[in-house]
Amino acid sequence: MRQPIETKWWPTAYIDEIMPPGRDNASAWIEMIDGAPHLVGESDNDLMKPRPLKDGDLIEFHRCETYDEMILRLGANDHAFEREPPREAEQCCILNGWQADTLSCSTQELIKQLRDGGGEPGDYLAAFYTFVDAGKFRFCADTNTFQGAQ
């Protein structure tokens, strides 16, 4: 069984086609602004503006477990990965501008979408990952952290 090479966290509300960089854990999304704790955001994005936090606030999080990236060699009538793709990964895509067109739940779907999208024979960098619903976390003002909530 392959282990993820990296795990990053996002507030669930930030999961989209274009997301801010992930953070190492849920509490890494807390930032002090004008002396008060806030859920980090992007000031130029109305959906992700920094949000003040108060004790007991519940925020849902997802984490992304990233596995090896590898080359997919696409031929006119065949294909080959440079090594066996990780079975543990639940999603995959082709990087470098193909992400939205090739976001898939299987390597077969990935290859079909790449071909249907006009992918020419050649080498493509494929990414493999799993988004996990990490659940709700409660903001604890005493420790300035998120704690798992039931």
N, C-alpha and C. Protein backbone atom coordinates (compact mmCIF):
# COMPACT_ATOMS: atom_id res chain seq x y z
N MET A 1 0.84 -1.18 0.00
CA MET A 1 0.00 0.00 0.00
C MET A 1 0.89 1.25 0.00
N ARG A 2 0.66 2.12 -0.95
CA ARG A 2 1.43 3.36 -1.03
C ARG A 2 0.89 4.39 -0.06
N GLN A 3 1.79 5.11 0.54
CA GLN A 3 1.42 6.19 1.43
C GLN A 3 1.44 7.50 0.66
N PRO A 4 0.58 8.45 1.04
CA PRO A 4 0.63 9.75 0.38
C PRO A 4 2.00 10.40 0.59
N ILE A 5 2.45 11.16 -0.39
CA ILE A 5 3.72 11.86 -0.23
C ILE A 5 3.51 13.23 0.42
N GLU A 6 2.25 13.69 0.42
CA GLU A 6 1.94 14.98 1.03
C GLU A 6 0.46 15.01 1.38
N THR A 7 0.13 15.68 2.48
CA THR A 7 -1.27 15.89 2.86
C THR A 7 -1.46 17.37 3.15
N LYS A 8 -2.45 17.97 2.51
CA LYS A 8 -2.78 19.38 2.71
C LYS A 8 -4.25 19.51 3.06
N TRP A 9 -4.61 20.59 3.74
CA TRP A 9 -5.96 20.83 4.24
C TRP A 9 -6.55 22.09 3.64
N TRP A 10 -7.90 22.10 3.47
CA TRP A 10 -8.65 23.27 3.02
C TRP A 10 -9.98 23.32 3.75
N PRO A 11 -10.47 24.54 4.04
CA PRO A 11 -11.88 24.63 4.44
C PRO A 11 -12.73 24.12 3.27
N THR A 12 -13.74 23.35 3.56
CA THR A 12 -14.56 22.76 2.50
C THR A 12 -15.13 23.82 1.58
N ALA A 13 -15.47 24.99 2.11
CA ALA A 13 -16.03 26.06 1.27
C ALA A 13 -15.04 26.55 0.22
N TYR A 14 -13.75 26.23 0.37
CA TYR A 14 -12.72 26.68 -0.58
C TYR A 14 -12.43 25.65 -1.67
N ILE A 15 -13.05 24.47 -1.57
CA ILE A 15 -12.79 23.42 -2.56
C ILE A 15 -13.48 23.81 -3.87
N ASP A 16 -12.68 24.00 -4.90
CA ASP A 16 -13.18 24.46 -6.19
C ASP A 16 -12.12 24.12 -7.24
N GLU A 17 -12.39 24.48 -8.49
CA GLU A 17 -11.41 24.24 -9.54
C GLU A 17 -10.13 25.04 -9.30
N ILE A 18 -10.27 26.24 -8.76
CA ILE A 18 -9.11 27.07 -8.43
C ILE A 18 -9.17 27.33 -6.94
N MET A 19 -8.12 26.89 -6.23
CA MET A 19 -8.12 26.99 -4.77
C MET A 19 -6.83 27.67 -4.31
N PRO A 20 -6.87 28.27 -3.13
CA PRO A 20 -5.62 28.77 -2.56
C PRO A 20 -4.73 27.58 -2.20
N PRO A 21 -3.45 27.82 -2.00
CA PRO A 21 -2.57 26.71 -1.61
C PRO A 21 -3.05 26.05 -0.33
N GLY A 22 -2.94 24.73 -0.27
CA GLY A 22 -3.33 23.99 0.92
C GLY A 22 -2.41 24.30 2.09
N ARG A 23 -2.87 23.95 3.28
CA ARG A 23 -2.09 24.17 4.50
C ARG A 23 -1.85 22.82 5.18
N ASP A 24 -0.88 22.80 6.10
CA ASP A 24 -0.46 21.54 6.72
C ASP A 24 -1.49 20.92 7.66
N ASN A 25 -2.41 21.71 8.19
CA ASN A 25 -3.45 21.20 9.08
C ASN A 25 -4.56 22.23 9.17
N ALA A 26 -5.66 21.88 9.83
CA ALA A 26 -6.80 22.79 9.91
C ALA A 26 -6.43 24.09 10.63
N SER A 27 -5.67 24.00 11.71
CA SER A 27 -5.32 25.20 12.48
C SER A 27 -4.40 26.15 11.72
N ALA A 28 -3.73 25.66 10.71
CA ALA A 28 -2.87 26.54 9.90
C ALA A 28 -3.68 27.56 9.10
N TRP A 29 -5.00 27.39 9.07
CA TRP A 29 -5.89 28.34 8.38
C TRP A 29 -6.31 29.49 9.30
N ILE A 30 -5.80 29.54 10.51
CA ILE A 30 -6.11 30.63 11.44
C ILE A 30 -5.01 31.69 11.34
N GLU A 31 -5.43 32.92 11.20
CA GLU A 31 -4.48 34.02 11.12
C GLU A 31 -5.02 35.19 11.94
N MET A 32 -4.14 35.87 12.63
CA MET A 32 -4.55 37.05 13.40
C MET A 32 -4.59 38.26 12.47
N ILE A 33 -5.73 38.93 12.44
CA ILE A 33 -5.89 40.15 11.66
C ILE A 33 -6.43 41.21 12.62
N ASP A 34 -5.70 42.31 12.74
CA ASP A 34 -6.08 43.37 13.68
C ASP A 34 -6.33 42.83 15.08
N GLY A 35 -5.50 41.87 15.51
CA GLY A 35 -5.57 41.33 16.85
C GLY A 35 -6.66 40.30 17.10
N ALA A 36 -7.39 39.92 16.05
CA ALA A 36 -8.47 38.95 16.21
C ALA A 36 -8.25 37.75 15.28
N PRO A 37 -8.63 36.54 15.73
CA PRO A 37 -8.45 35.36 14.88
C PRO A 37 -9.43 35.36 13.71
N HIS A 38 -8.91 34.98 12.56
CA HIS A 38 -9.71 34.90 11.33
C HIS A 38 -9.39 33.59 10.61
N LEU A 39 -10.37 33.07 9.90
CA LEU A 39 -10.13 32.00 8.95
C LEU A 39 -9.47 32.67 7.76
N VAL A 40 -8.26 32.22 7.41
CA VAL A 40 -7.52 32.83 6.31
C VAL A 40 -8.35 32.77 5.04
N GLY A 41 -8.23 33.77 4.23
CA GLY A 41 -8.93 33.80 2.96
C GLY A 41 -8.13 34.58 1.93
N GLU A 42 -8.81 34.95 0.89
CA GLU A 42 -8.21 35.76 -0.17
C GLU A 42 -9.04 37.03 -0.28
N SER A 43 -8.44 38.16 0.02
CA SER A 43 -9.20 39.41 0.07
C SER A 43 -9.80 39.79 -1.28
N ASP A 44 -9.23 39.28 -2.38
CA ASP A 44 -9.77 39.63 -3.71
C ASP A 44 -10.80 38.62 -4.21
N ASN A 45 -11.20 37.67 -3.37
CA ASN A 45 -12.18 36.66 -3.76
C ASN A 45 -13.35 36.72 -2.78
N ASP A 46 -14.52 37.16 -3.25
CA ASP A 46 -15.67 37.32 -2.37
C ASP A 46 -16.07 36.04 -1.66
N LEU A 47 -15.84 34.88 -2.28
CA LEU A 47 -16.22 33.61 -1.67
C LEU A 47 -15.22 33.13 -0.62
N MET A 48 -14.03 33.73 -0.62
CA MET A 48 -12.97 33.27 0.28
C MET A 48 -12.38 34.41 1.11
N LYS A 49 -13.13 35.46 1.33
CA LYS A 49 -12.60 36.57 2.14
C LYS A 49 -12.27 36.08 3.55
N PRO A 50 -11.24 36.66 4.19
CA PRO A 50 -10.96 36.29 5.57
C PRO A 50 -12.21 36.47 6.43
N ARG A 51 -12.43 35.51 7.32
CA ARG A 51 -13.65 35.51 8.12
C ARG A 51 -13.30 35.49 9.61
N PRO A 52 -13.84 36.45 10.38
CA PRO A 52 -13.56 36.44 11.82
C PRO A 52 -14.04 35.13 12.46
N LEU A 53 -13.30 34.65 13.44
CA LEU A 53 -13.66 33.44 14.16
C LEU A 53 -13.97 33.78 15.61
N LYS A 54 -15.00 33.14 16.15
CA LYS A 54 -15.30 33.28 17.57
C LYS A 54 -15.34 31.88 18.18
N ASP A 55 -15.13 31.83 19.46
CA ASP A 55 -15.08 30.56 20.17
C ASP A 55 -16.30 29.71 19.85
N GLY A 56 -16.06 28.46 19.46
CA GLY A 56 -17.14 27.53 19.16
C GLY A 56 -17.56 27.47 17.71
N ASP A 57 -17.06 28.38 16.86
CA ASP A 57 -17.41 28.33 15.43
C ASP A 57 -17.04 26.97 14.85
N LEU A 58 -17.93 26.43 14.03
CA LEU A 58 -17.67 25.16 13.35
C LEU A 58 -17.32 25.42 11.89
N ILE A 59 -16.22 24.83 11.44
CA ILE A 59 -15.77 24.95 10.06
C ILE A 59 -15.53 23.54 9.54
N GLU A 60 -16.08 23.24 8.36
CA GLU A 60 -15.83 21.94 7.74
C GLU A 60 -14.52 21.99 6.96
N PHE A 61 -13.77 20.89 7.02
CA PHE A 61 -12.49 20.80 6.31
C PHE A 61 -12.42 19.54 5.46
N HIS A 62 -11.65 19.62 4.41
CA HIS A 62 -11.23 18.48 3.60
C HIS A 62 -9.71 18.44 3.62
N ARG A 63 -9.18 17.25 3.50
CA ARG A 63 -7.74 17.13 3.31
C ARG A 63 -7.50 16.41 1.99
N CYS A 64 -6.38 16.72 1.38
CA CYS A 64 -6.02 16.08 0.11
C CYS A 64 -4.73 15.31 0.32
N GLU A 65 -4.80 14.02 0.07
CA GLU A 65 -3.64 13.15 0.16
C GLU A 65 -3.09 12.97 -1.25
N THR A 66 -1.90 13.48 -1.47
CA THR A 66 -1.29 13.47 -2.80
C THR A 66 -0.31 12.31 -2.92
N TYR A 67 -0.40 11.61 -4.03
CA TYR A 67 0.50 10.49 -4.32
C TYR A 67 1.47 10.91 -5.42
N ASP A 68 2.30 9.99 -5.86
CA ASP A 68 3.30 10.31 -6.89
C ASP A 68 2.67 10.89 -8.15
N GLU A 69 3.38 11.84 -8.75
CA GLU A 69 3.07 12.26 -10.11
C GLU A 69 3.89 11.36 -11.04
N MET A 70 3.38 11.13 -12.22
CA MET A 70 4.12 10.29 -13.17
C MET A 70 3.76 10.62 -14.60
N ILE A 71 4.60 10.21 -15.49
CA ILE A 71 4.41 10.46 -16.91
C ILE A 71 3.44 9.44 -17.50
N LEU A 72 2.47 9.95 -18.25
CA LEU A 72 1.60 9.13 -19.08
C LEU A 72 2.07 9.34 -20.51
N ARG A 73 2.46 8.27 -21.16
CA ARG A 73 2.86 8.34 -22.56
C ARG A 73 1.64 7.96 -23.38
N LEU A 74 1.09 8.95 -24.08
CA LEU A 74 -0.12 8.75 -24.89
C LEU A 74 0.29 8.50 -26.33
N GLY A 75 -0.06 7.32 -26.85
CA GLY A 75 0.19 7.01 -28.25
C GLY A 75 -1.07 7.23 -29.06
N ALA A 76 -0.97 7.10 -30.36
CA ALA A 76 -2.13 7.28 -31.22
C ALA A 76 -3.23 6.28 -30.88
N ASN A 77 -2.85 5.03 -30.54
CA ASN A 77 -3.83 3.99 -30.25
C ASN A 77 -3.60 3.27 -28.94
N ASP A 78 -2.63 3.72 -28.17
CA ASP A 78 -2.33 3.06 -26.91
C ASP A 78 -1.83 4.09 -25.90
N HIS A 79 -1.50 3.61 -24.71
CA HIS A 79 -0.96 4.49 -23.68
C HIS A 79 -0.18 3.64 -22.69
N ALA A 80 0.68 4.29 -21.92
CA ALA A 80 1.42 3.60 -20.87
C ALA A 80 1.83 4.62 -19.81
N PHE A 81 1.69 4.22 -18.55
CA PHE A 81 2.22 5.02 -17.45
C PHE A 81 3.63 4.54 -17.19
N GLU A 82 4.49 5.43 -16.69
CA GLU A 82 5.88 5.05 -16.45
C GLU A 82 6.01 4.01 -15.34
N ARG A 83 5.02 3.91 -14.47
CA ARG A 83 4.95 2.86 -13.44
C ARG A 83 3.48 2.70 -13.07
N GLU A 84 3.19 1.72 -12.26
CA GLU A 84 1.81 1.44 -11.87
C GLU A 84 1.23 2.62 -11.08
N PRO A 85 0.09 3.17 -11.52
CA PRO A 85 -0.55 4.25 -10.75
C PRO A 85 -0.98 3.75 -9.38
N PRO A 86 -0.98 4.63 -8.38
CA PRO A 86 -1.37 4.21 -7.02
C PRO A 86 -2.85 3.85 -6.95
N ARG A 87 -3.14 2.64 -6.50
CA ARG A 87 -4.54 2.20 -6.36
C ARG A 87 -5.28 2.96 -5.28
N GLU A 88 -4.53 3.50 -4.32
CA GLU A 88 -5.16 4.21 -3.20
C GLU A 88 -5.77 5.55 -3.63
N ALA A 89 -5.28 6.12 -4.72
CA ALA A 89 -5.77 7.42 -5.18
C ALA A 89 -7.17 7.28 -5.77
N GLU A 90 -8.05 8.20 -5.39
CA GLU A 90 -9.43 8.17 -5.88
C GLU A 90 -9.67 9.15 -7.02
N GLN A 91 -8.76 10.08 -7.23
CA GLN A 91 -8.88 11.03 -8.33
C GLN A 91 -7.54 11.14 -9.04
N CYS A 92 -7.61 11.58 -10.29
CA CYS A 92 -6.40 11.83 -11.06
C CYS A 92 -6.70 12.89 -12.11
N CYS A 93 -5.64 13.51 -12.61
CA CYS A 93 -5.79 14.49 -13.68
C CYS A 93 -4.45 14.66 -14.36
N ILE A 94 -4.50 15.28 -15.53
CA ILE A 94 -3.28 15.66 -16.24
C ILE A 94 -2.98 17.10 -15.85
N LEU A 95 -1.73 17.38 -15.50
CA LEU A 95 -1.34 18.72 -15.06
C LEU A 95 -0.99 19.62 -16.25
N ASN A 96 -0.51 20.80 -15.94
CA ASN A 96 -0.02 21.76 -16.93
C ASN A 96 -1.09 22.20 -17.92
N GLY A 97 -2.22 22.65 -17.36
CA GLY A 97 -3.28 23.22 -18.19
C GLY A 97 -4.41 22.28 -18.55
N TRP A 98 -4.30 21.02 -18.22
CA TRP A 98 -5.33 20.03 -18.55
C TRP A 98 -6.20 19.66 -17.36
N GLN A 99 -5.97 20.23 -16.17
CA GLN A 99 -6.64 19.78 -14.95
C GLN A 99 -8.16 19.76 -15.09
N ALA A 100 -8.76 20.87 -15.49
CA ALA A 100 -10.23 20.96 -15.54
C ALA A 100 -10.81 19.99 -16.57
N ASP A 101 -10.09 19.75 -17.67
CA ASP A 101 -10.59 18.88 -18.73
C ASP A 101 -10.42 17.40 -18.43
N THR A 102 -9.52 17.06 -17.52
CA THR A 102 -9.20 15.65 -17.31
C THR A 102 -9.44 15.16 -15.88
N LEU A 103 -10.04 15.96 -15.02
CA LEU A 103 -10.31 15.53 -13.65
C LEU A 103 -11.14 14.25 -13.71
N SER A 104 -10.62 13.17 -13.15
CA SER A 104 -11.21 11.84 -13.32
C SER A 104 -11.15 11.03 -12.05
N CYS A 105 -11.96 9.98 -12.03
CA CYS A 105 -11.95 9.04 -10.91
C CYS A 105 -11.28 7.72 -11.26
N SER A 106 -10.75 7.60 -12.48
CA SER A 106 -10.04 6.38 -12.87
C SER A 106 -9.06 6.74 -13.99
N THR A 107 -8.05 5.89 -14.16
CA THR A 107 -7.10 6.14 -15.25
C THR A 107 -7.76 5.96 -16.62
N GLN A 108 -8.73 5.05 -16.72
CA GLN A 108 -9.43 4.86 -17.99
C GLN A 108 -10.21 6.12 -18.37
N GLU A 109 -10.89 6.70 -17.39
CA GLU A 109 -11.64 7.94 -17.62
C GLU A 109 -10.68 9.08 -17.95
N LEU A 110 -9.55 9.13 -17.28
CA LEU A 110 -8.53 10.15 -17.52
C LEU A 110 -8.07 10.11 -18.98
N ILE A 111 -7.74 8.95 -19.46
CA ILE A 111 -7.25 8.80 -20.84
C ILE A 111 -8.34 9.16 -21.83
N LYS A 112 -9.57 8.72 -21.58
CA LYS A 112 -10.69 9.06 -22.47
C LYS A 112 -10.89 10.58 -22.54
N GLN A 113 -10.87 11.23 -21.38
CA GLN A 113 -11.08 12.68 -21.37
C GLN A 113 -9.93 13.41 -22.06
N LEU A 114 -8.71 12.93 -21.90
CA LEU A 114 -7.57 13.54 -22.57
C LEU A 114 -7.72 13.41 -24.08
N ARG A 115 -8.08 12.23 -24.55
CA ARG A 115 -8.28 12.03 -26.00
C ARG A 115 -9.46 12.85 -26.51
N ASP A 116 -10.60 12.82 -25.77
CA ASP A 116 -11.78 13.58 -26.19
C ASP A 116 -11.51 15.08 -26.20
N GLY A 117 -10.58 15.53 -25.35
CA GLY A 117 -10.24 16.94 -25.28
C GLY A 117 -9.20 17.38 -26.31
N GLY A 118 -8.79 16.47 -27.16
CA GLY A 118 -7.84 16.82 -28.22
C GLY A 118 -6.39 16.59 -27.87
N GLY A 119 -6.12 15.82 -26.82
CA GLY A 119 -4.74 15.53 -26.44
C GLY A 119 -4.01 14.80 -27.56
N GLU A 120 -2.91 15.35 -27.98
CA GLU A 120 -2.08 14.75 -29.04
C GLU A 120 -1.18 13.68 -28.44
N PRO A 121 -0.72 12.71 -29.25
CA PRO A 121 0.25 11.75 -28.74
C PRO A 121 1.46 12.48 -28.15
N GLY A 122 1.94 11.98 -27.03
CA GLY A 122 3.08 12.60 -26.36
C GLY A 122 3.08 12.25 -24.89
N ASP A 123 3.96 12.91 -24.15
CA ASP A 123 4.09 12.68 -22.72
C ASP A 123 3.31 13.73 -21.94
N TYR A 124 2.56 13.26 -20.92
CA TYR A 124 1.76 14.14 -20.07
C TYR A 124 2.06 13.80 -18.62
N LEU A 125 2.09 14.82 -17.76
CA LEU A 125 2.32 14.61 -16.34
C LEU A 125 0.97 14.40 -15.65
N ALA A 126 0.81 13.23 -15.04
CA ALA A 126 -0.44 12.87 -14.35
C ALA A 126 -0.25 12.97 -12.84
N ALA A 127 -1.28 13.49 -12.17
CA ALA A 127 -1.27 13.60 -10.71
C ALA A 127 -2.33 12.67 -10.14
N PHE A 128 -2.06 12.11 -8.97
CA PHE A 128 -2.96 11.17 -8.31
C PHE A 128 -3.17 11.61 -6.86
N TYR A 129 -4.42 11.65 -6.41
CA TYR A 129 -4.72 12.17 -5.09
C TYR A 129 -6.08 11.70 -4.63
N THR A 130 -6.37 11.93 -3.35
CA THR A 130 -7.66 11.61 -2.77
C THR A 130 -8.07 12.77 -1.86
N PHE A 131 -9.26 13.33 -2.11
CA PHE A 131 -9.83 14.32 -1.20
C PHE A 131 -10.66 13.56 -0.16
N VAL A 132 -10.41 13.87 1.10
CA VAL A 132 -11.08 13.20 2.21
C VAL A 132 -11.87 14.24 2.99
N ASP A 133 -13.15 13.94 3.24
CA ASP A 133 -13.97 14.81 4.08
C ASP A 133 -13.49 14.62 5.51
N ALA A 134 -12.79 15.60 6.04
CA ALA A 134 -12.22 15.49 7.39
C ALA A 134 -13.23 15.84 8.47
N GLY A 135 -14.39 16.38 8.08
CA GLY A 135 -15.44 16.68 9.04
C GLY A 135 -15.38 18.10 9.57
N LYS A 136 -16.17 18.32 10.62
CA LYS A 136 -16.27 19.66 11.22
C LYS A 136 -15.25 19.81 12.33
N PHE A 137 -14.69 21.01 12.40
CA PHE A 137 -13.74 21.36 13.44
C PHE A 137 -14.24 22.60 14.16
N ARG A 138 -14.09 22.58 15.47
CA ARG A 138 -14.56 23.69 16.33
C ARG A 138 -13.38 24.60 16.66
N PHE A 139 -13.59 25.92 16.47
CA PHE A 139 -12.55 26.87 16.83
C PHE A 139 -12.52 27.03 18.34
N CYS A 140 -11.34 26.88 18.93
CA CYS A 140 -11.14 27.03 20.37
C CYS A 140 -10.32 28.30 20.59
N ALA A 141 -10.98 29.33 21.11
CA ALA A 141 -10.32 30.63 21.30
C ALA A 141 -9.19 30.55 22.33
N ASP A 142 -9.32 29.67 23.34
CA ASP A 142 -8.28 29.56 24.37
C ASP A 142 -6.93 29.14 23.80
N THR A 143 -6.97 28.25 22.81
CA THR A 143 -5.72 27.73 22.24
C THR A 143 -5.47 28.26 20.83
N ASN A 144 -6.43 29.01 20.30
CA ASN A 144 -6.33 29.55 18.94
C ASN A 144 -6.09 28.42 17.93
N THR A 145 -6.85 27.33 18.08
CA THR A 145 -6.72 26.17 17.20
C THR A 145 -8.11 25.65 16.85
N PHE A 146 -8.14 24.78 15.83
CA PHE A 146 -9.35 24.01 15.53
C PHE A 146 -9.21 22.65 16.18
N GLN A 147 -10.28 22.20 16.81
CA GLN A 147 -10.33 20.89 17.43
C GLN A 147 -11.42 20.08 16.73
N GLY A 148 -11.19 18.78 16.56
CA GLY A 148 -12.19 17.93 15.94
C GLY A 148 -13.51 18.00 16.69
N ALA A 149 -14.61 18.06 15.97
CA ALA A 149 -15.94 18.13 16.58
C ALA A 149 -16.74 16.91 16.14
N GLN A 150 -17.62 16.45 17.00
CA GLN A 150 -18.48 15.31 16.64
C GLN A 150 -19.84 15.80 16.20
